Amino acid sequence: MSGDRSVGQDIRALRNSRGITLEELSKRTGKSLGWVSQVERGLSRPSVDDLHTIARILGVPLSMFFGVADAPEEERGLIVRASARRELGQRDTGLVEALISPDLTDDFEVIHSTFLPRSALEHYRQRATSEVIYLISGRLDIVIGDRGFTINAGDSFRIKGSKYRWANPYDDPAVAIWVISPPVY
């Protein structure tokens, strides 16, 4: 697990972005208010079971809290080495994501997404965010609201609280960088 302080900061950022109070998280986890506060401040270490419960409540994959290599002190919170990216798992079939922001304590997060060939998000998704996506490579079909577009490498697009879905019906992966505000992972 990454440093307890970083996990706690991420839990706090995710909790706040979802409008969940410290008291509500305490009640929903069955843990004391003091314990939840200590976890968020990096003073107490949650068990894997605790993290599983917190991940479920916050609507994030459990992997969100694992997989980050410890960085040298002078780099923490500033630099994310390619080898230390936090893998977010596959929330959707055919989508592989990693957090490239140092943590979730900013007003935004930056995600590296790879849309595998012949994959699609079949059902619309909608979230209360503003998102700007830059396609690094490949092609991606995107439907925003009821309007469909084919996005090519070098193109970018914005989703602002609208329902959307995506598809990569092509033979090559599509790789994108997403900037999302507020953080959702």
Foldseek 3Di string as FASTA:
>chain_A
DEQLQQLLCQLVLLCVVVVHDLVNLCVQLVHDSVQNVCSNRRNDHDDLVSLCSSCVVSVFDSLQNDQADYDPPVPQQPAGDPNGWRWRPPPDPQKTKTWRHSGQNDQKTKMKIKRAAFDKDPDWDFDQKKKKKAWQADWKWKAWANDIDIDHHGDMDIHHRTIMMIGRNDHGIIIMMMIIGNDRD
